[in-house]
Amino acid sequence: MSAKLDRDFVAADLAKVDQLLGSMTSKDVFAKLSLQSRREDLQQELASLTNAQEVSASASLFFGGDPVLANRGIEASFGAQAMEKFQDVVTKIFAVQHTGSLGQRGTVPGKDASKLHITNIVRGSFGFRLEELSPQANLITSPLKDAVDEATRLMERFGVEDEEAFESEVENLDGRVLATIRDFFGILSDHRATFRLVSGNNDRSFRAQNIVRAAERAKITTLDEEDIELPGQLSGALRDSRIFEFRPENGRPTIKGSIGLDLSADTISRTNREFADRDSVAKFRVKRVRQNDRVLREKFTLLSIHER
């Protein structure tokens, strides 16, 4: 069980014990002593869970709606599809975290290192417990745990009502991660399912309206990238924070963004000395977030700069 769910269960038991103690009279001496002992044990257990640090990857996925029959069972085809797509999301996020980006096609690196295993059935609707069975030794936090927690956070952004929060998140998303999240929410929407995801201390619930919103957003949102060159002047480039500002010609607004990883700190310093406030041509990689062909955001990465 995840740390969050463990604490919830113990806290619920503690609340029941407190309720029983509150209803007892002076005649219930022995029962009261027994419950007080139980209360102390639960308080100690809760304190231990609160201080415990979860270092390996785990996630509990609860499903509700049409594919689920109370807490008795779940449609096999739906459960298999949903679990496969969730694993795919985690695998691709894990790969991006360790390689920087994914190719448009081909094998996703790190598939073996990002495997999760179904270790239990979880109740409260019906769902599955996923765990990392072979975390790497001598690490404070497993890299796979970071990927699972990131998947939880990303999925939550697709379902929130705040459009600005969604757009700011998706502009940093890898295209193949977006496509897999699209598949995941599409499966849930097509089956009219609800969803709750618990990983570590994160607990996210997706009701019907959240699922519909997430599926629609993922369906109409696309990402594309292209390399362009623009004449103008470099306002400045910072080597430590790896950010830049560039003033294009023809009255276009100042461009702000990050500096490509291929440019070393020394190269950034030299670029700043040689090209700041001088006519030049800069090459950028532009990532665009679109919805129904409407550009929502553009993200610029400086690749190189040279004399006019």
C-alpha atoms as a PDB file:
ATOM      1  CA  MET A   1       0.000   0.000   0.000  1.00  0.00           C
ATOM      2  CA  SER A   2       1.183   3.536  -0.672  1.00  0.00           C
ATOM      3  CA  ALA A   3       2.227   5.785   2.188  1.00  0.00           C
ATOM      4  CA  LYS A   4      -0.817   7.980   1.586  1.00  0.00           C
ATOM      5  CA  LEU A   5      -3.286   5.077   1.625  1.00  0.00           C
ATOM      6  CA  ASP A   6      -1.607   3.473   4.641  1.00  0.00           C
ATOM      7  CA  ARG A   7      -1.992   6.712   6.609  1.00  0.00           C
ATOM      8  CA  ASP A   8      -5.602   7.081   5.484  1.00  0.00           C
ATOM      9  CA  PHE A   9      -6.510   3.586   6.659  1.00  0.00           C
ATOM     10  CA  VAL A  10      -4.805   3.983  10.043  1.00  0.00           C
ATOM     11  CA  ALA A  11      -6.346   7.440  10.529  1.00  0.00           C
ATOM     12  CA  ALA A  12      -9.786   5.999   9.735  1.00  0.00           C
ATOM     13  CA  ASP A  13      -9.287   3.222  12.303  1.00  0.00           C
ATOM     14  CA  LEU A  14      -8.138   5.785  14.857  1.00  0.00           C
ATOM     15  CA  ALA A  15     -11.237   7.906  14.220  1.00  0.00           C
ATOM     16  CA  LYS A  16     -13.471   4.867  14.817  1.00  0.00           C
ATOM     17  CA  VAL A  17     -11.701   4.068  18.081  1.00  0.00           C
ATOM     18  CA  ASP A  18     -12.071   7.690  19.234  1.00  0.00           C
ATOM     19  CA  GLN A  19     -15.765   7.551  18.377  1.00  0.00           C
ATOM     20  CA  LEU A  20     -16.249   4.373  20.398  1.00  0.00           C
ATOM     21  CA  LEU A  21     -14.348   5.805  23.364  1.00  0.00           C
ATOM     22  CA  GLY A  22     -16.503   8.898  23.267  1.00  0.00           C
ATOM     23  CA  SER A  23     -19.682   6.823  23.481  1.00  0.00           C
ATOM     24  CA  MET A  24     -18.601   4.748  26.505  1.00  0.00           C
ATOM     25  CA  THR A  25     -19.766   5.221  30.060  1.00  0.00           C
ATOM     26  CA  SER A  26     -18.030   4.673  33.388  1.00  0.00           C
ATOM     27  CA  LYS A  27     -19.383   1.116  33.419  1.00  0.00           C
ATOM     28  CA  ASP A  28     -17.347   0.105  30.343  1.00  0.00           C
ATOM     29  CA  VAL A  29     -14.081  -0.126  32.255  1.00  0.00           C
ATOM     30  CA  PHE A  30     -12.436  -3.120  30.609  1.00  0.00           C
ATOM     31  CA  ALA A  31     -13.628  -2.304  27.100  1.00  0.00           C
ATOM     32  CA  LYS A  32     -12.370   1.251  27.580  1.00  0.00           C
ATOM     33  CA  LEU A  33      -8.917   0.045  28.663  1.00  0.00           C
ATOM     34  CA  SER A  34      -8.702  -2.205  25.625  1.00  0.00           C
ATOM     35  CA  LEU A  35      -9.681   0.589  23.255  1.00  0.00           C
ATOM     36  CA  GLN A  36      -7.256   3.027  24.862  1.00  0.00           C
ATOM     37  CA  SER A  37      -4.462   0.518  24.304  1.00  0.00           C
ATOM     38  CA  ARG A  38      -5.583   0.130  20.693  1.00  0.00           C
ATOM     39  CA  ARG A  39      -5.675   3.916  20.324  1.00  0.00           C
ATOM     40  CA  GLU A  40      -2.058   4.236  21.516  1.00  0.00           C
ATOM     41  CA  ASP A  41      -0.930   1.560  19.058  1.00  0.00           C
ATOM     42  CA  LEU A  42      -2.687   3.333  16.183  1.00  0.00           C
ATOM     43  CA  GLN A  43      -1.216   6.703  17.168  1.00  0.00           C
ATOM     44  CA  GLN A  44       2.283   5.211  17.157  1.00  0.00           C
ATOM     45  CA  GLU A  45       1.664   3.529  13.807  1.00  0.00           C
ATOM     46  CA  LEU A  46       0.354   6.759  12.294  1.00  0.00           C
ATOM     47  CA  ALA A  47       3.376   8.712  13.567  1.00  0.00           C
ATOM     48  CA  SER A  48       5.682   6.079  12.073  1.00  0.00           C
ATOM     49  CA  LEU A  49       3.934   6.270   8.687  1.00  0.00           C
ATOM     50  CA  THR A  50       4.003  10.058   8.754  1.00  0.00           C
ATOM     51  CA  ASN A  51       7.771  10.081   9.232  1.00  0.00           C
ATOM     52  CA  ALA A  52       8.481   7.245   6.793  1.00  0.00           C
ATOM     53  CA  GLN A  53       9.975   8.145   3.431  1.00  0.00           C
ATOM     54  CA  GLU A  54       8.726   6.228   0.400  1.00  0.00           C
ATOM     55  CA  VAL A  55      11.711   5.629  -1.900  1.00  0.00           C
ATOM     56  CA  SER A  56      10.463   3.147  -4.501  1.00  0.00           C
ATOM     57  CA  ALA A  57       7.812   3.622  -7.169  1.00  0.00           C
ATOM     58  CA  SER A  58       4.218   2.695  -6.411  1.00  0.00           C
ATOM     59  CA  ALA A  59       0.772   3.668  -7.583  1.00  0.00           C
ATOM     60  CA  SER A  60      -2.773   2.629  -6.782  1.00  0.00           C
ATOM     61  CA  LEU A  61      -5.304   3.041  -9.590  1.00  0.00           C
ATOM     62  CA  PHE A  62      -8.979   2.956  -8.621  1.00  0.00           C
ATOM     63  CA  PHE A  63     -11.635   2.774 -11.332  1.00  0.00           C
ATOM     64  CA  GLY A  64     -15.360   3.424 -11.198  1.00  0.00           C
ATOM     65  CA  GLY A  65     -18.198   3.954 -13.626  1.00  0.00           C
ATOM     66  CA  ASP A  66     -19.598   1.616 -16.271  1.00  0.00           C
ATOM     67  CA  PRO A  67     -16.685  -0.896 -16.461  1.00  0.00           C
ATOM     68  CA  VAL A  68     -16.795  -1.581 -12.709  1.00  0.00           C
ATOM     69  CA  LEU A  69     -19.273  -3.696 -10.765  1.00  0.00           C
ATOM     70  CA  ALA A  70     -19.189  -2.145  -7.267  1.00  0.00           C
ATOM     71  CA  ASN A  71     -16.021  -3.442  -5.606  1.00  0.00           C
ATOM     72  CA  ARG A  72     -16.442  -6.944  -7.021  1.00  0.00           C
ATOM     73  CA  GLY A  73     -14.825  -6.735 -10.438  1.00  0.00           C
ATOM     74  CA  ILE A  74     -13.811  -4.796 -13.526  1.00  0.00           C
ATOM     75  CA  GLU A  75     -14.205  -5.500 -17.250  1.00  0.00           C
ATOM     76  CA  ALA A  76     -11.096  -7.405 -18.286  1.00  0.00           C
ATOM     77  CA  SER A  77     -10.552  -5.665 -21.620  1.00  0.00           C
ATOM     78  CA  PHE A  78     -10.946  -2.196 -20.110  1.00  0.00           C
ATOM     79  CA  GLY A  79      -8.676  -2.975 -17.164  1.00  0.00           C
ATOM     80  CA  ALA A  80      -5.963  -4.388 -19.435  1.00  0.00           C
ATOM     81  CA  GLN A  81      -6.077  -1.409 -21.808  1.00  0.00           C
ATOM     82  CA  ALA A  82      -6.044   1.184 -19.033  1.00  0.00           C
ATOM     83  CA  MET A  83      -3.160  -0.440 -17.173  1.00  0.00           C
ATOM     84  CA  GLU A  84      -1.128  -0.852 -20.361  1.00  0.00           C
ATOM     85  CA  LYS A  85      -1.525   2.829 -21.254  1.00  0.00           C
ATOM     86  CA  PHE A  86      -0.677   3.974 -17.738  1.00  0.00           C
ATOM     87  CA  GLN A  87       2.524   1.929 -17.886  1.00  0.00           C
ATOM     88  CA  ASP A  88       3.281   3.456 -21.298  1.00  0.00           C
ATOM     89  CA  VAL A  89       2.888   6.968 -19.883  1.00  0.00           C
ATOM     90  CA  VAL A  90       5.295   6.176 -17.029  1.00  0.00           C
ATOM     91  CA  THR A  91       7.801   4.533 -19.404  1.00  0.00           C
ATOM     92  CA  LYS A  92       7.875   7.536 -21.748  1.00  0.00           C
ATOM     93  CA  ILE A  93       8.168  10.051 -18.899  1.00  0.00           C
ATOM     94  CA  PHE A  94      10.999   7.955 -17.434  1.00  0.00           C
ATOM     95  CA  ALA A  95      12.755   8.006 -20.819  1.00  0.00           C
ATOM     96  CA  VAL A  96      12.350  11.774 -21.222  1.00  0.00           C
ATOM     97  CA  GLN A  97      13.730  12.385 -17.732  1.00  0.00           C
ATOM     98  CA  HIS A  98      16.849  10.405 -18.583  1.00  0.00           C
ATOM     99  CA  THR A  99      17.410  11.275 -22.261  1.00  0.00           C
ATOM    100  CA  GLY A 100      15.926  14.771 -22.556  1.00  0.00           C
ATOM    101  CA  SER A 101      13.567  13.907 -25.415  1.00  0.00           C
ATOM    102  CA  LEU A 102      12.153  11.023 -27.438  1.00  0.00           C
ATOM    103  CA  GLY A 103      12.406  10.463 -31.145  1.00  0.00           C
ATOM    104  CA  GLN A 104       9.176  10.684 -33.113  1.00  0.00           C
ATOM    105  CA  ARG A 105       9.321   6.934 -33.684  1.00  0.00           C
ATOM    106  CA  GLY A 106      11.247   3.913 -32.543  1.00  0.00           C
ATOM    107  CA  THR A 107      11.905   2.041 -29.331  1.00  0.00           C
ATOM    108  CA  VAL A 108      11.493   3.932 -26.074  1.00  0.00           C
ATOM    109  CA  PRO A 109      14.759   3.679 -24.112  1.00  0.00           C
ATOM    110  CA  GLY A 110      14.699   2.352 -20.566  1.00  0.00           C
ATOM    111  CA  LYS A 111      11.623   0.135 -20.905  1.00  0.00           C
ATOM    112  CA  ASP A 112      13.074  -2.602 -18.700  1.00  0.00           C
ATOM    113  CA  ALA A 113      14.110  -0.107 -15.997  1.00  0.00           C
ATOM    114  CA  SER A 114      10.629   1.448 -15.888  1.00  0.00           C
ATOM    115  CA  LYS A 115       8.546  -1.699 -15.443  1.00  0.00           C
ATOM    116  CA  LEU A 116       5.857  -1.725 -12.765  1.00  0.00           C
ATOM    117  CA  HIS A 117       4.195  -4.889 -11.479  1.00  0.00           C
ATOM    118  CA  ILE A 118       0.636  -5.478 -10.338  1.00  0.00           C
ATOM    119  CA  THR A 119       1.027  -6.655  -6.756  1.00  0.00           C
ATOM    120  CA  ASN A 120      -2.474  -6.398  -5.354  1.00  0.00           C
ATOM    121  CA  ILE A 121      -6.120  -5.546  -5.901  1.00  0.00           C
ATOM    122  CA  VAL A 122      -7.301  -2.365  -4.165  1.00  0.00           C
ATOM    123  CA  ARG A 123     -10.843  -1.691  -3.035  1.00  0.00           C
ATOM    124  CA  GLY A 124     -12.892   1.438  -2.867  1.00  0.00           C
ATOM    125  CA  SER A 125     -14.399   0.982  -6.300  1.00  0.00           C
ATOM    126  CA  PHE A 126     -12.028  -1.483  -7.929  1.00  0.00           C
ATOM    127  CA  GLY A 127      -8.423  -1.102  -8.926  1.00  0.00           C
ATOM    128  CA  PHE A 128      -4.875  -2.263  -8.964  1.00  0.00           C
ATOM    129  CA  ARG A 129      -1.756  -1.754  -6.923  1.00  0.00           C
ATOM    130  CA  LEU A 130       1.410  -1.209  -8.998  1.00  0.00           C
ATOM    131  CA  GLU A 131       4.890  -1.389  -7.531  1.00  0.00           C
ATOM    132  CA  GLU A 132       8.533  -1.292  -8.491  1.00  0.00           C
ATOM    133  CA  LEU A 133       9.844  -4.668  -7.365  1.00  0.00           C
ATOM    134  CA  SER A 134      13.543  -4.101  -7.993  1.00  0.00           C
ATOM    135  CA  PRO A 135      14.444  -0.509  -7.069  1.00  0.00           C
ATOM    136  CA  GLN A 136      18.055   0.444  -7.590  1.00  0.00           C
ATOM    137  CA  ALA A 137      20.118   0.162  -4.427  1.00  0.00           C
ATOM    138  CA  ASN A 138      21.738   3.018  -2.529  1.00  0.00           C
ATOM    139  CA  LEU A 139      19.368   5.675  -3.827  1.00  0.00           C
ATOM    140  CA  ILE A 140      17.374   8.012  -1.631  1.00  0.00           C
ATOM    141  CA  THR A 141      14.546   8.062  -4.141  1.00  0.00           C
ATOM    142  CA  SER A 142      14.123   5.681  -7.058  1.00  0.00           C
ATOM    143  CA  PRO A 143      14.233   7.353 -10.508  1.00  0.00           C
ATOM    144  CA  LEU A 144      11.134   5.364 -11.408  1.00  0.00           C
ATOM    145  CA  LYS A 145       9.296   6.856  -8.425  1.00  0.00           C
ATOM    146  CA  ASP A 146      10.008  10.303  -9.873  1.00  0.00           C
ATOM    147  CA  ALA A 147       8.465   9.199 -13.180  1.00  0.00           C
ATOM    148  CA  VAL A 148       5.329   7.797 -11.497  1.00  0.00           C
ATOM    149  CA  ASP A 149       4.870  10.947  -9.408  1.00  0.00           C
ATOM    150  CA  GLU A 150       5.331  13.083 -12.532  1.00  0.00           C
ATOM    151  CA  ALA A 151       2.738  11.010 -14.396  1.00  0.00           C
ATOM    152  CA  THR A 152       0.273  11.617 -11.562  1.00  0.00           C
ATOM    153  CA  ARG A 153       0.919  15.359 -11.614  1.00  0.00           C
ATOM    154  CA  LEU A 154       0.656  15.591 -15.419  1.00  0.00           C
ATOM    155  CA  MET A 155      -2.605  13.694 -15.633  1.00  0.00           C
ATOM    156  CA  GLU A 156      -4.116  15.930 -12.970  1.00  0.00           C
ATOM    157  CA  ARG A 157      -3.332  18.985 -15.122  1.00  0.00           C
ATOM    158  CA  PHE A 158      -5.339  17.579 -18.014  1.00  0.00           C
ATOM    159  CA  GLY A 159      -8.457  17.376 -15.881  1.00  0.00           C
ATOM    160  CA  VAL A 160      -8.344  20.700 -14.017  1.00  0.00           C
ATOM    161  CA  GLU A 161     -10.665  23.524 -15.003  1.00  0.00           C
ATOM    162  CA  ASP A 162      -7.833  26.098 -15.114  1.00  0.00           C
ATOM    163  CA  GLU A 163      -6.903  26.439 -18.793  1.00  0.00           C
ATOM    164  CA  GLU A 164      -3.772  28.450 -18.027  1.00  0.00           C
ATOM    165  CA  ALA A 165      -2.435  25.686 -15.767  1.00  0.00           C
ATOM    166  CA  PHE A 166      -3.029  23.134 -18.513  1.00  0.00           C
ATOM    167  CA  GLU A 167      -1.384  25.202 -21.250  1.00  0.00           C
ATOM    168  CA  SER A 168       1.699  26.022 -19.178  1.00  0.00           C
ATOM    169  CA  GLU A 169       2.144  22.299 -18.491  1.00  0.00           C
ATOM    170  CA  VAL A 170       1.626  20.979 -21.992  1.00  0.00           C
ATOM    171  CA  GLU A 171       4.164  23.351 -23.561  1.00  0.00           C
ATOM    172  CA  ASN A 172       6.901  21.395 -21.775  1.00  0.00           C
ATOM    173  CA  LEU A 173       5.492  18.010 -22.722  1.00  0.00           C
ATOM    174  CA  ASP A 174       7.099  15.551 -25.108  1.00  0.00           C
ATOM    175  CA  GLY A 175       4.895  14.766 -28.114  1.00  0.00           C
ATOM    176  CA  ARG A 176       4.898  11.002 -27.533  1.00  0.00           C
ATOM    177  CA  VAL A 177       3.979  11.461 -23.878  1.00  0.00           C
ATOM    178  CA  LEU A 178       1.044  13.631 -24.991  1.00  0.00           C
ATOM    179  CA  ALA A 179      -0.082  10.983 -27.478  1.00  0.00           C
ATOM    180  CA  THR A 180      -0.068   8.263 -24.814  1.00  0.00           C
ATOM    181  CA  ILE A 181      -1.942  10.424 -22.296  1.00  0.00           C
ATOM    182  CA  ARG A 182      -4.459  11.024 -25.109  1.00  0.00           C
ATOM    183  CA  ASP A 183      -4.899   7.269 -25.514  1.00  0.00           C
ATOM    184  CA  PHE A 184      -5.285   6.744 -21.756  1.00  0.00           C
ATOM    185  CA  PHE A 185      -8.014   9.339 -21.258  1.00  0.00           C
ATOM    186  CA  GLY A 186      -9.659   8.256 -24.513  1.00  0.00           C
ATOM    187  CA  ILE A 187     -10.061   4.740 -23.125  1.00  0.00           C
ATOM    188  CA  LEU A 188     -11.576   6.075 -19.888  1.00  0.00           C
ATOM    189  CA  SER A 189     -13.925   8.420 -21.754  1.00  0.00           C
ATOM    190  CA  ASP A 190     -15.077   5.771 -24.252  1.00  0.00           C
ATOM    191  CA  HIS A 191     -15.937   3.399 -21.397  1.00  0.00           C
ATOM    192  CA  ARG A 192     -17.515   6.140 -19.248  1.00  0.00           C
ATOM    193  CA  ALA A 193     -15.170   5.340 -16.405  1.00  0.00           C
ATOM    194  CA  THR A 194     -14.041   7.421 -13.437  1.00  0.00           C
ATOM    195  CA  PHE A 195     -10.564   7.264 -12.006  1.00  0.00           C
ATOM    196  CA  ARG A 196      -8.526   7.880  -8.872  1.00  0.00           C
ATOM    197  CA  LEU A 197      -4.728   7.764  -8.835  1.00  0.00           C
ATOM    198  CA  VAL A 198      -2.650   7.614  -5.646  1.00  0.00           C
ATOM    199  CA  SER A 199       1.156   7.678  -5.769  1.00  0.00           C
ATOM    200  CA  GLY A 200       3.239   8.514  -2.725  1.00  0.00           C
ATOM    201  CA  ASN A 201       1.604  11.542  -1.096  1.00  0.00           C
ATOM    202  CA  ASN A 202      -0.278  12.461  -4.275  1.00  0.00           C
ATOM    203  CA  ASP A 203      -3.986  11.668  -4.452  1.00  0.00           C
ATOM    204  CA  ARG A 204      -5.878  12.726  -7.588  1.00  0.00           C
ATOM    205  CA  SER A 205      -9.533  11.969  -8.368  1.00  0.00           C
ATOM    206  CA  PHE A 206     -11.068  12.281 -11.840  1.00  0.00           C
ATOM    207  CA  ARG A 207     -14.836  12.429 -11.898  1.00  0.00           C
ATOM    208  CA  ALA A 208     -16.856  12.144 -15.090  1.00  0.00           C
ATOM    209  CA  GLN A 209     -16.458  15.837 -15.986  1.00  0.00           C
ATOM    210  CA  ASN A 210     -12.699  15.676 -15.380  1.00  0.00           C
ATOM    211  CA  ILE A 211     -12.382  12.642 -17.649  1.00  0.00           C
ATOM    212  CA  VAL A 212     -14.412  14.304 -20.434  1.00  0.00           C
ATOM    213  CA  ARG A 213     -12.359  17.517 -20.135  1.00  0.00           C
ATOM    214  CA  ALA A 214      -9.041  15.656 -20.098  1.00  0.00           C
ATOM    215  CA  ALA A 215      -9.970  13.449 -23.054  1.00  0.00           C
ATOM    216  CA  GLU A 216     -11.166  16.422 -25.132  1.00  0.00           C
ATOM    217  CA  ARG A 217      -8.083  18.503 -24.339  1.00  0.00           C
ATOM    218  CA  ALA A 218      -5.748  15.658 -25.195  1.00  0.00           C
ATOM    219  CA  LYS A 219      -7.655  14.979 -28.416  1.00  0.00           C
ATOM    220  CA  ILE A 220      -7.534  18.512 -29.829  1.00  0.00           C
ATOM    221  CA  THR A 221      -4.070  19.472 -28.533  1.00  0.00           C
ATOM    222  CA  THR A 222      -1.039  18.869 -30.745  1.00  0.00           C
ATOM    223  CA  LEU A 223       2.642  19.758 -30.528  1.00  0.00           C
ATOM    224  CA  ASP A 224       4.950  20.555 -33.401  1.00  0.00           C
ATOM    225  CA  GLU A 225       8.540  21.717 -33.672  1.00  0.00           C
ATOM    226  CA  GLU A 226      10.577  23.438 -36.355  1.00  0.00           C
ATOM    227  CA  ASP A 227      13.933  25.184 -36.628  1.00  0.00           C
ATOM    228  CA  ILE A 228      13.858  28.795 -37.816  1.00  0.00           C
ATOM    229  CA  GLU A 229      16.349  31.634 -38.237  1.00  0.00           C
ATOM    230  CA  LEU A 230      15.555  35.240 -37.348  1.00  0.00           C
ATOM    231  CA  PRO A 231      17.614  38.400 -37.822  1.00  0.00           C
ATOM    232  CA  GLY A 232      17.828  40.778 -34.879  1.00  0.00           C
ATOM    233  CA  GLN A 233      19.908  41.544 -31.800  1.00  0.00           C
ATOM    234  CA  LEU A 234      20.712  39.487 -28.732  1.00  0.00           C
ATOM    235  CA  SER A 235      19.703  41.318 -25.565  1.00  0.00           C
ATOM    236  CA  GLY A 236      21.567  38.886 -23.355  1.00  0.00           C
ATOM    237  CA  ALA A 237      22.288  35.256 -22.540  1.00  0.00           C
ATOM    238  CA  LEU A 238      22.875  33.968 -18.997  1.00  0.00           C
ATOM    239  CA  ARG A 239      25.207  31.003 -18.611  1.00  0.00           C
ATOM    240  CA  ASP A 240      24.025  29.838 -15.180  1.00  0.00           C
ATOM    241  CA  SER A 241      20.266  30.013 -15.661  1.00  0.00           C
ATOM    242  CA  ARG A 242      20.626  29.213 -19.409  1.00  0.00           C
ATOM    243  CA  ILE A 243      18.036  31.735 -20.547  1.00  0.00           C
ATOM    244  CA  PHE A 244      18.171  34.401 -23.251  1.00  0.00           C
ATOM    245  CA  GLU A 245      16.365  37.400 -24.708  1.00  0.00           C
ATOM    246  CA  PHE A 246      16.478  38.287 -28.407  1.00  0.00           C
ATOM    247  CA  ARG A 247      14.981  41.283 -30.237  1.00  0.00           C
ATOM    248  CA  PRO A 248      13.887  40.276 -33.744  1.00  0.00           C
ATOM    249  CA  GLU A 249      13.644  42.796 -36.567  1.00  0.00           C
ATOM    250  CA  ASN A 250      10.392  44.042 -38.095  1.00  0.00           C
ATOM    251  CA  GLY A 251       8.791  44.984 -34.793  1.00  0.00           C
ATOM    252  CA  ARG A 252       8.234  41.465 -33.554  1.00  0.00           C
ATOM    253  CA  PRO A 253       8.058  41.209 -29.731  1.00  0.00           C
ATOM    254  CA  THR A 254      11.182  40.253 -27.808  1.00  0.00           C
ATOM    255  CA  ILE A 255      11.722  36.503 -27.699  1.00  0.00           C
ATOM    256  CA  LYS A 256      12.555  34.861 -24.369  1.00  0.00           C
ATOM    257  CA  GLY A 257      13.466  31.251 -23.839  1.00  0.00           C
ATOM    258  CA  SER A 258      16.013  28.637 -22.869  1.00  0.00           C
ATOM    259  CA  ILE A 259      19.436  27.919 -24.344  1.00  0.00           C
ATOM    260  CA  GLY A 260      20.035  24.578 -26.030  1.00  0.00           C
ATOM    261  CA  LEU A 261      21.971  21.953 -24.122  1.00  0.00           C
ATOM    262  CA  ASP A 262      24.540  21.692 -26.919  1.00  0.00           C
ATOM    263  CA  LEU A 263      25.850  25.154 -26.014  1.00  0.00           C
ATOM    264  CA  SER A 264      28.381  24.977 -23.186  1.00  0.00           C
ATOM    265  CA  ALA A 265      28.669  27.569 -20.434  1.00  0.00           C
ATOM    266  CA  ASP A 266      31.831  28.950 -22.049  1.00  0.00           C
ATOM    267  CA  THR A 267      30.066  29.191 -25.411  1.00  0.00           C
ATOM    268  CA  ILE A 268      27.199  31.101 -23.806  1.00  0.00           C
ATOM    269  CA  SER A 269      29.626  33.570 -22.214  1.00  0.00           C
ATOM    270  CA  ARG A 270      31.428  34.063 -25.519  1.00  0.00           C
ATOM    271  CA  THR A 271      28.132  34.485 -27.380  1.00  0.00           C
ATOM    272  CA  ASN A 272      27.085  37.163 -24.929  1.00  0.00           C
ATOM    273  CA  ARG A 273      30.351  39.083 -25.382  1.00  0.00           C
ATOM    274  CA  GLU A 274      30.364  38.859 -29.170  1.00  0.00           C
ATOM    275  CA  PHE A 275      26.706  39.334 -30.089  1.00  0.00           C
ATOM    276  CA  ALA A 276      24.929  41.336 -27.372  1.00  0.00           C
ATOM    277  CA  ASP A 277      23.251  44.401 -28.967  1.00  0.00           C
ATOM    278  CA  ARG A 278      24.822  43.634 -32.375  1.00  0.00           C
ATOM    279  CA  ASP A 279      23.097  42.726 -35.623  1.00  0.00           C
ATOM    280  CA  SER A 280      23.054  38.951 -35.951  1.00  0.00           C
ATOM    281  CA  VAL A 281      21.017  35.938 -37.048  1.00  0.00           C
ATOM    282  CA  ALA A 282      19.843  33.482 -34.406  1.00  0.00           C
ATOM    283  CA  LYS A 283      18.676  29.944 -34.977  1.00  0.00           C
ATOM    284  CA  PHE A 284      15.846  28.708 -32.763  1.00  0.00           C
ATOM    285  CA  ARG A 285      13.900  25.515 -32.235  1.00  0.00           C
ATOM    286  CA  VAL A 286      10.280  26.561 -31.880  1.00  0.00           C
ATOM    287  CA  LYS A 287       7.801  24.292 -30.134  1.00  0.00           C
ATOM    288  CA  ARG A 288       4.156  25.200 -30.685  1.00  0.00           C
ATOM    289  CA  VAL A 289       1.115  24.092 -28.722  1.00  0.00           C
ATOM    290  CA  ARG A 290      -1.978  24.019 -30.929  1.00  0.00           C
ATOM    291  CA  GLN A 291      -5.651  23.350 -30.388  1.00  0.00           C
ATOM    292  CA  ASN A 292      -7.663  22.847 -33.570  1.00  0.00           C
ATOM    293  CA  ASP A 293      -4.810  24.513 -35.523  1.00  0.00           C
ATOM    294  CA  ARG A 294      -4.908  27.577 -33.250  1.00  0.00           C
ATOM    295  CA  VAL A 295      -1.495  28.334 -31.736  1.00  0.00           C
ATOM    296  CA  LEU A 296      -1.821  28.618 -27.964  1.00  0.00           C
ATOM    297  CA  ARG A 297       1.847  28.961 -27.045  1.00  0.00           C
ATOM    298  CA  GLU A 298       5.303  29.071 -28.566  1.00  0.00           C
ATOM    299  CA  LYS A 299       8.429  27.956 -26.743  1.00  0.00           C
ATOM    300  CA  PHE A 300      11.826  29.054 -28.093  1.00  0.00           C
ATOM    301  CA  THR A 301      15.159  27.321 -27.581  1.00  0.00           C
ATOM    302  CA  LEU A 302      18.300  29.102 -28.798  1.00  0.00           C
ATOM    303  CA  LEU A 303      20.449  26.732 -30.862  1.00  0.00           C
ATOM    304  CA  SER A 304      23.110  29.062 -32.320  1.00  0.00           C
ATOM    305  CA  ILE A 305      23.831  32.634 -33.368  1.00  0.00           C
ATOM    306  CA  HIS A 306      26.073  34.071 -36.059  1.00  0.00           C
ATOM    307  CA  GLU A 307      26.882  37.349 -37.795  1.00  0.00           C
ATOM    308  CA  ARG A 308      24.399  38.846 -40.236  1.00  0.00           C
END
